[in-house]
Every structure is written in C-alpha cells, then in structure tokens.
Amino acid sequence: MLNPDLLKSALQALKFKPNIDLFPSRINKQLDKYVTFLPDPDAFAVDAFSINWSHYKFVAFPPFALVSRTLQKIQEDQATGVVVEPYWPNQVYYPVLIEMLIDNPVILTARNNLLQLPSTPYKTHRLYKHLKMLVCRVSGCNMKITAFQKTLSMSLSHHGDLTPGKYTQPRSANGRNLQLRGIHIPHRRL
C-alpha cells in the first residue's frame, strides 16, 4: 500500500478529497468506503470494474498489471478521480495517462517508506531505491481534459529528452520532463 501520509499530502496538493478507494483489501484500505477484488463483508462492492466510477470521487491504486485497464475504465465511464501508479514512462499506459491528466501530477520520489505492507510496516519494498510513484488527477471527460491542456505552455524539448547542459536547470531531478505533444506539464514533488 502507498504510505498513508504521502497519499494524504499528494491529495492535498491536488486539492482532491476522494470518497471511495477502488483497489484495496481490508488491511490496506485508505478510506472507509472501499471496493475490493475479493469478497469482503465490509467492502462497499467487490470488483471495481463492475461498478460505474462516474458516480464517485475515487482514488485508485490498482495492481501494476491493471493500470491500462483502469485508465480504459475511466474513459469508458467518463469518470474523474485520482490514480496512483509507478512513474514508468516506457510503459504502454504512460502516454494514455498523460493524455488524461486534468491537473499537474504529483511525483512521489523514491524512499524507503513509499510503499508499505500494513502487517509489517518496517519492511521496505525491494524496489524502493528506484521506484517513484505518480499521483495523477485524471478524467475520461474530454471537456475537463481540454480545459486543463489549454492551461499548459509549449516546450521545446520532447518527451523523455534530457534537458540541455550544465548552464540550464533540469525540470526534474533526473532531467526528464512530463510532456504531452510538445507541451510541458509541470509537476509537484513530494
């Protein structure tokens, strides 16, 4: 599960207050109202893909293998919410995710307490030195997406480019920019 304090800070930065958690189990839920993958008597519902997300202000931290399916569900339901996923720009879902943004994303930098197991919170994830997470406010509603994209400014570099030499400041710690069709997307770091 994502560190609860980091999720809370990211949601505050996004000025977003979710009312349902879509992919937790009983032991790693972040909200009282949640939808599990397996039957749970305390869960609001079972299988997040079986309900219409447009009725909720959701936070979704899907299993990594379900990120693409999660984004597709958001588009199908024309829903709006927050998705938490690894910052892996080379993944097939990444361009779709960037297209669906309706706010500047939050990047949670690599640290030993980024991901936790509720039963053993002192243990660290084996990828903790390299794993960054994105917390993104996204929508399947084209009007919201277009409104956000109109607030962005053009960039002269391309997605994944390193920023130029030692006399310029990189836009992020590793020199990578978040971009959409040549438009720079500012992001916040926590």
C-alpha atoms as a PDB file:
ATOM      1  CA  MET A   1       0.000   0.000   0.000  1.00  0.00           C
ATOM      2  CA  LEU A   2       1.072   3.577  -0.523  1.00  0.00           C
ATOM      3  CA  ASN A   3       2.291   5.291   2.631  1.00  0.00           C
ATOM      4  CA  PRO A   4      -0.895   6.918   4.047  1.00  0.00           C
ATOM      5  CA  ASP A   5       0.892  10.166   4.973  1.00  0.00           C
ATOM      6  CA  LEU A   6       2.307  10.524   1.459  1.00  0.00           C
ATOM      7  CA  LEU A   7      -1.079   9.823  -0.117  1.00  0.00           C
ATOM      8  CA  LYS A   8      -2.704  12.395   2.153  1.00  0.00           C
ATOM      9  CA  SER A   9      -0.075  15.009   1.199  1.00  0.00           C
ATOM     10  CA  ALA A  10      -0.466  14.238  -2.513  1.00  0.00           C
ATOM     11  CA  LEU A  11      -4.260  14.502  -2.326  1.00  0.00           C
ATOM     12  CA  GLN A  12      -3.941  17.826  -0.503  1.00  0.00           C
ATOM     13  CA  ALA A  13      -1.561  19.090  -3.205  1.00  0.00           C
ATOM     14  CA  LEU A  14      -4.166  18.082  -5.809  1.00  0.00           C
ATOM     15  CA  LYS A  15      -6.960  19.654  -3.730  1.00  0.00           C
ATOM     16  CA  PHE A  16      -8.893  16.403  -4.062  1.00  0.00           C
ATOM     17  CA  LYS A  17     -10.942  14.646  -1.397  1.00  0.00           C
ATOM     18  CA  PRO A  18     -11.911  11.141  -2.549  1.00  0.00           C
ATOM     19  CA  ASN A  19     -14.964   9.336  -1.227  1.00  0.00           C
ATOM     20  CA  ILE A  20     -14.041   5.788  -2.286  1.00  0.00           C
ATOM     21  CA  ASP A  21     -10.879   3.651  -2.544  1.00  0.00           C
ATOM     22  CA  LEU A  22     -11.094   1.328  -5.553  1.00  0.00           C
ATOM     23  CA  PHE A  23      -8.454  -1.405  -5.265  1.00  0.00           C
ATOM     24  CA  PRO A  24      -7.523  -2.114  -1.648  1.00  0.00           C
ATOM     25  CA  SER A  25      -8.061  -5.086   0.592  1.00  0.00           C
ATOM     26  CA  ARG A  26      -9.481  -4.818   4.086  1.00  0.00           C
ATOM     27  CA  ILE A  27      -5.994  -4.445   5.596  1.00  0.00           C
ATOM     28  CA  ASN A  28      -4.626  -1.779   3.249  1.00  0.00           C
ATOM     29  CA  LYS A  29      -7.678   0.411   2.619  1.00  0.00           C
ATOM     30  CA  GLN A  30      -7.077   4.150   2.881  1.00  0.00           C
ATOM     31  CA  LEU A  31     -10.768   5.140   3.153  1.00  0.00           C
ATOM     32  CA  ASP A  32     -13.771   3.730   4.988  1.00  0.00           C
ATOM     33  CA  LYS A  33     -15.631   3.185   1.701  1.00  0.00           C
ATOM     34  CA  TYR A  34     -13.705   0.772  -0.483  1.00  0.00           C
ATOM     35  CA  VAL A  35     -14.097  -1.779  -3.270  1.00  0.00           C
ATOM     36  CA  THR A  36     -12.095  -4.999  -3.028  1.00  0.00           C
ATOM     37  CA  PHE A  37     -11.046  -7.532  -5.591  1.00  0.00           C
ATOM     38  CA  LEU A  38     -12.181 -10.465  -3.422  1.00  0.00           C
ATOM     39  CA  PRO A  39     -15.377 -10.811  -1.344  1.00  0.00           C
ATOM     40  CA  ASP A  40     -15.257  -8.811   1.896  1.00  0.00           C
ATOM     41  CA  PRO A  41     -18.305  -8.189   4.115  1.00  0.00           C
ATOM     42  CA  ASP A  42     -17.132  -4.656   4.976  1.00  0.00           C
ATOM     43  CA  ALA A  43     -16.484  -3.599   1.385  1.00  0.00           C
ATOM     44  CA  PHE A  44     -18.887  -1.347  -0.477  1.00  0.00           C
ATOM     45  CA  ALA A  45     -18.607  -3.637  -3.517  1.00  0.00           C
ATOM     46  CA  VAL A  46     -16.495  -6.408  -4.994  1.00  0.00           C
ATOM     47  CA  ASP A  47     -14.551  -5.906  -8.243  1.00  0.00           C
ATOM     48  CA  ALA A  48     -14.064  -2.230  -9.025  1.00  0.00           C
ATOM     49  CA  PHE A  49     -14.521  -2.902 -12.735  1.00  0.00           C
ATOM     50  CA  SER A  50     -18.138  -3.965 -12.110  1.00  0.00           C
ATOM     51  CA  ILE A  51     -19.373  -0.547 -10.884  1.00  0.00           C
ATOM     52  CA  ASN A  52     -19.762   2.802 -12.649  1.00  0.00           C
ATOM     53  CA  TRP A  53     -16.951   5.104 -11.471  1.00  0.00           C
ATOM     54  CA  SER A  54     -18.564   8.319 -12.692  1.00  0.00           C
ATOM     55  CA  HIS A  55     -20.704   8.400  -9.529  1.00  0.00           C
ATOM     56  CA  TYR A  56     -17.673   8.683  -7.220  1.00  0.00           C
ATOM     57  CA  LYS A  57     -14.662  10.831  -6.403  1.00  0.00           C
ATOM     58  CA  PHE A  58     -12.276   7.897  -6.337  1.00  0.00           C
ATOM     59  CA  VAL A  59      -8.688   7.163  -5.547  1.00  0.00           C
ATOM     60  CA  ALA A  60      -7.355   4.110  -7.382  1.00  0.00           C
ATOM     61  CA  PHE A  61      -4.051   2.380  -6.727  1.00  0.00           C
ATOM     62  CA  PRO A  62      -4.501  -0.643  -8.994  1.00  0.00           C
ATOM     63  CA  PRO A  63      -2.110  -3.575  -9.193  1.00  0.00           C
ATOM     64  CA  PHE A  64       0.609  -2.561 -11.653  1.00  0.00           C
ATOM     65  CA  ALA A  65      -0.677  -5.072 -14.228  1.00  0.00           C
ATOM     66  CA  LEU A  66      -4.125  -3.380 -14.195  1.00  0.00           C
ATOM     67  CA  VAL A  67      -3.087   0.242 -14.825  1.00  0.00           C
ATOM     68  CA  SER A  68      -4.036   0.132 -18.533  1.00  0.00           C
ATOM     69  CA  ARG A  69      -7.387  -1.475 -17.764  1.00  0.00           C
ATOM     70  CA  THR A  70      -8.001   1.125 -15.041  1.00  0.00           C
ATOM     71  CA  LEU A  71      -7.383   4.004 -17.468  1.00  0.00           C
ATOM     72  CA  GLN A  72      -9.681   2.355 -20.014  1.00  0.00           C
ATOM     73  CA  LYS A  73     -12.439   2.067 -17.371  1.00  0.00           C
ATOM     74  CA  ILE A  74     -12.073   5.772 -16.525  1.00  0.00           C
ATOM     75  CA  GLN A  75     -12.509   6.610 -20.211  1.00  0.00           C
ATOM     76  CA  GLU A  76     -15.497   4.285 -20.644  1.00  0.00           C
ATOM     77  CA  ASP A  77     -17.301   5.688 -17.577  1.00  0.00           C
ATOM     78  CA  GLN A  78     -16.178   9.282 -18.282  1.00  0.00           C
ATOM     79  CA  ALA A  79     -15.150   9.297 -14.632  1.00  0.00           C
ATOM     80  CA  THR A  80     -12.862  11.689 -12.768  1.00  0.00           C
ATOM     81  CA  GLY A  81     -10.569  10.737  -9.924  1.00  0.00           C
ATOM     82  CA  VAL A  82      -7.021  10.158  -8.754  1.00  0.00           C
ATOM     83  CA  VAL A  83      -4.877   7.286  -9.982  1.00  0.00           C
ATOM     84  CA  VAL A  84      -1.650   6.209  -8.289  1.00  0.00           C
ATOM     85  CA  GLU A  85       0.827   4.314 -10.445  1.00  0.00           C
ATOM     86  CA  PRO A  86       4.565   3.818 -10.891  1.00  0.00           C
ATOM     87  CA  TYR A  87       6.434   6.540 -12.748  1.00  0.00           C
ATOM     88  CA  TRP A  88       7.461   4.296 -15.623  1.00  0.00           C
ATOM     89  CA  PRO A  89       7.497   6.473 -18.787  1.00  0.00           C
ATOM     90  CA  ASN A  90       8.325   3.489 -21.027  1.00  0.00           C
ATOM     91  CA  GLN A  91       5.156   1.589 -20.137  1.00  0.00           C
ATOM     92  CA  VAL A  92       2.415   1.280 -22.727  1.00  0.00           C
ATOM     93  CA  TYR A  93      -0.103   3.050 -20.450  1.00  0.00           C
ATOM     94  CA  TYR A  94       2.050   6.145 -19.897  1.00  0.00           C
ATOM     95  CA  PRO A  95       1.032   8.223 -22.980  1.00  0.00           C
ATOM     96  CA  VAL A  96      -2.638   7.449 -22.273  1.00  0.00           C
ATOM     97  CA  LEU A  97      -2.204   8.537 -18.663  1.00  0.00           C
ATOM     98  CA  ILE A  98      -0.578  11.830 -19.696  1.00  0.00           C
ATOM     99  CA  GLU A  99      -3.423  12.459 -22.189  1.00  0.00           C
ATOM    100  CA  MET A 100      -5.999  12.018 -19.403  1.00  0.00           C
ATOM    101  CA  LEU A 101      -4.475  14.488 -16.908  1.00  0.00           C
ATOM    102  CA  ILE A 102      -6.683  17.299 -15.618  1.00  0.00           C
ATOM    103  CA  ASP A 103      -4.200  18.699 -13.082  1.00  0.00           C
ATOM    104  CA  ASN A 104      -0.441  18.823 -12.618  1.00  0.00           C
ATOM    105  CA  PRO A 105       0.599  15.423 -11.251  1.00  0.00           C
ATOM    106  CA  VAL A 106       2.478  14.773  -8.033  1.00  0.00           C
ATOM    107  CA  ILE A 107       5.661  12.699  -8.170  1.00  0.00           C
ATOM    108  CA  LEU A 108       6.461  10.778  -5.005  1.00  0.00           C
ATOM    109  CA  THR A 109      10.224  10.343  -5.020  1.00  0.00           C
ATOM    110  CA  ALA A 110      11.978   7.086  -4.204  1.00  0.00           C
ATOM    111  CA  ARG A 111      12.280   6.472  -0.457  1.00  0.00           C
ATOM    112  CA  ASN A 112      12.246   3.500   1.862  1.00  0.00           C
ATOM    113  CA  ASN A 113       8.729   4.139   3.211  1.00  0.00           C
ATOM    114  CA  LEU A 114       6.963   4.881  -0.091  1.00  0.00           C
ATOM    115  CA  LEU A 115       5.194   1.511  -0.208  1.00  0.00           C
ATOM    116  CA  GLN A 116       4.330  -0.419   2.939  1.00  0.00           C
ATOM    117  CA  LEU A 117       2.819  -3.707   3.993  1.00  0.00           C
ATOM    118  CA  PRO A 118       0.271  -2.995   6.739  1.00  0.00           C
ATOM    119  CA  SER A 119       1.188  -6.206   8.557  1.00  0.00           C
ATOM    120  CA  THR A 120       4.924  -5.396   8.518  1.00  0.00           C
ATOM    121  CA  PRO A 121       5.313  -1.620   8.017  1.00  0.00           C
ATOM    122  CA  TYR A 122       9.012  -1.702   8.933  1.00  0.00           C
ATOM    123  CA  LYS A 123       9.864  -3.771   5.838  1.00  0.00           C
ATOM    124  CA  THR A 124      10.839  -1.919   2.689  1.00  0.00           C
ATOM    125  CA  HIS A 125       9.779  -2.685  -0.872  1.00  0.00           C
ATOM    126  CA  ARG A 126      12.588  -4.352  -2.811  1.00  0.00           C
ATOM    127  CA  LEU A 127      12.495  -1.601  -5.478  1.00  0.00           C
ATOM    128  CA  TYR A 128      12.419   1.296  -3.001  1.00  0.00           C
ATOM    129  CA  LYS A 129      15.687   2.852  -4.202  1.00  0.00           C
ATOM    130  CA  HIS A 130      14.403   3.208  -7.752  1.00  0.00           C
ATOM    131  CA  LEU A 131      10.611   3.325  -7.544  1.00  0.00           C
ATOM    132  CA  LYS A 132       8.882   6.675  -7.961  1.00  0.00           C
ATOM    133  CA  MET A 133       5.121   6.951  -7.960  1.00  0.00           C
ATOM    134  CA  LEU A 134       2.817   9.327  -9.824  1.00  0.00           C
ATOM    135  CA  VAL A 135      -0.355  10.584  -8.205  1.00  0.00           C
ATOM    136  CA  CYS A 136      -2.488  11.920 -11.037  1.00  0.00           C
ATOM    137  CA  ARG A 137      -5.860  13.578 -11.234  1.00  0.00           C
ATOM    138  CA  VAL A 138      -7.332  12.146 -14.428  1.00  0.00           C
ATOM    139  CA  SER A 139     -10.620  12.126 -16.283  1.00  0.00           C
ATOM    140  CA  GLY A 140     -12.395  10.375 -19.102  1.00  0.00           C
ATOM    141  CA  CYS A 141     -14.325  13.597 -19.801  1.00  0.00           C
ATOM    142  CA  ASN A 142     -12.879  15.357 -22.861  1.00  0.00           C
ATOM    143  CA  MET A 143     -14.088  18.809 -21.725  1.00  0.00           C
ATOM    144  CA  LYS A 144     -12.075  18.558 -18.481  1.00  0.00           C
ATOM    145  CA  ILE A 145      -9.011  17.262 -20.314  1.00  0.00           C
ATOM    146  CA  THR A 146      -9.164  20.039 -22.922  1.00  0.00           C
ATOM    147  CA  ALA A 147      -9.645  22.713 -20.253  1.00  0.00           C
ATOM    148  CA  PHE A 148      -6.508  21.520 -18.442  1.00  0.00           C
ATOM    149  CA  GLN A 149      -4.448  21.218 -21.621  1.00  0.00           C
ATOM    150  CA  LYS A 150      -5.270  24.831 -22.526  1.00  0.00           C
ATOM    151  CA  THR A 151      -3.521  25.943 -19.318  1.00  0.00           C
ATOM    152  CA  LEU A 152      -0.217  24.315 -20.347  1.00  0.00           C
ATOM    153  CA  SER A 153       2.626  26.045 -22.183  1.00  0.00           C
ATOM    154  CA  MET A 154       4.639  24.800 -25.154  1.00  0.00           C
ATOM    155  CA  SER A 155       8.021  23.171 -24.590  1.00  0.00           C
ATOM    156  CA  LEU A 156      10.943  22.958 -26.986  1.00  0.00           C
ATOM    157  CA  SER A 157      12.073  19.532 -25.773  1.00  0.00           C
ATOM    158  CA  HIS A 158      10.366  16.216 -26.395  1.00  0.00           C
ATOM    159  CA  HIS A 159       9.043  13.531 -24.050  1.00  0.00           C
ATOM    160  CA  GLY A 160      11.957  11.760 -22.397  1.00  0.00           C
ATOM    161  CA  ASP A 161      14.600  14.256 -23.581  1.00  0.00           C
ATOM    162  CA  LEU A 162      17.352  15.221 -21.201  1.00  0.00           C
ATOM    163  CA  THR A 163      17.462  18.939 -20.540  1.00  0.00           C
ATOM    164  CA  PRO A 164      20.455  20.783 -22.043  1.00  0.00           C
ATOM    165  CA  GLY A 165      23.887  21.065 -20.406  1.00  0.00           C
ATOM    166  CA  LYS A 166      25.223  22.410 -17.167  1.00  0.00           C
ATOM    167  CA  TYR A 167      24.020  26.007 -17.656  1.00  0.00           C
ATOM    168  CA  THR A 168      20.332  25.172 -17.508  1.00  0.00           C
ATOM    169  CA  GLN A 169      18.288  23.741 -14.682  1.00  0.00           C
ATOM    170  CA  PRO A 170      16.508  20.451 -15.360  1.00  0.00           C
ATOM    171  CA  ARG A 171      12.761  20.481 -14.814  1.00  0.00           C
ATOM    172  CA  SER A 172      13.017  17.369 -12.679  1.00  0.00           C
ATOM    173  CA  ALA A 173      15.792  15.725 -10.704  1.00  0.00           C
ATOM    174  CA  ASN A 174      16.703  13.213 -13.408  1.00  0.00           C
ATOM    175  CA  GLY A 175      16.379  15.706 -16.275  1.00  0.00           C
ATOM    176  CA  ARG A 176      13.139  14.233 -17.608  1.00  0.00           C
ATOM    177  CA  ASN A 177      10.106  16.324 -18.436  1.00  0.00           C
ATOM    178  CA  LEU A 178       6.474  15.338 -18.392  1.00  0.00           C
ATOM    179  CA  GLN A 179       5.128  16.298 -21.802  1.00  0.00           C
ATOM    180  CA  LEU A 180       2.077  15.994 -23.960  1.00  0.00           C
ATOM    181  CA  ARG A 181       2.553  16.625 -27.706  1.00  0.00           C
ATOM    182  CA  GLY A 182       5.374  19.103 -27.070  1.00  0.00           C
ATOM    183  CA  ILE A 183       3.597  20.795 -24.177  1.00  0.00           C
ATOM    184  CA  HIS A 184       5.378  20.841 -20.821  1.00  0.00           C
ATOM    185  CA  ILE A 185       3.327  19.537 -17.886  1.00  0.00           C
ATOM    186  CA  PRO A 186       4.514  20.987 -14.574  1.00  0.00           C
ATOM    187  CA  HIS A 187       4.574  18.551 -11.684  1.00  0.00           C
ATOM    188  CA  ARG A 188       4.971  18.687  -7.935  1.00  0.00           C
ATOM    189  CA  ARG A 189       7.418  16.579  -5.957  1.00  0.00           C
ATOM    190  CA  LEU A 190       6.819  15.144  -2.523  1.00  0.00           C
END
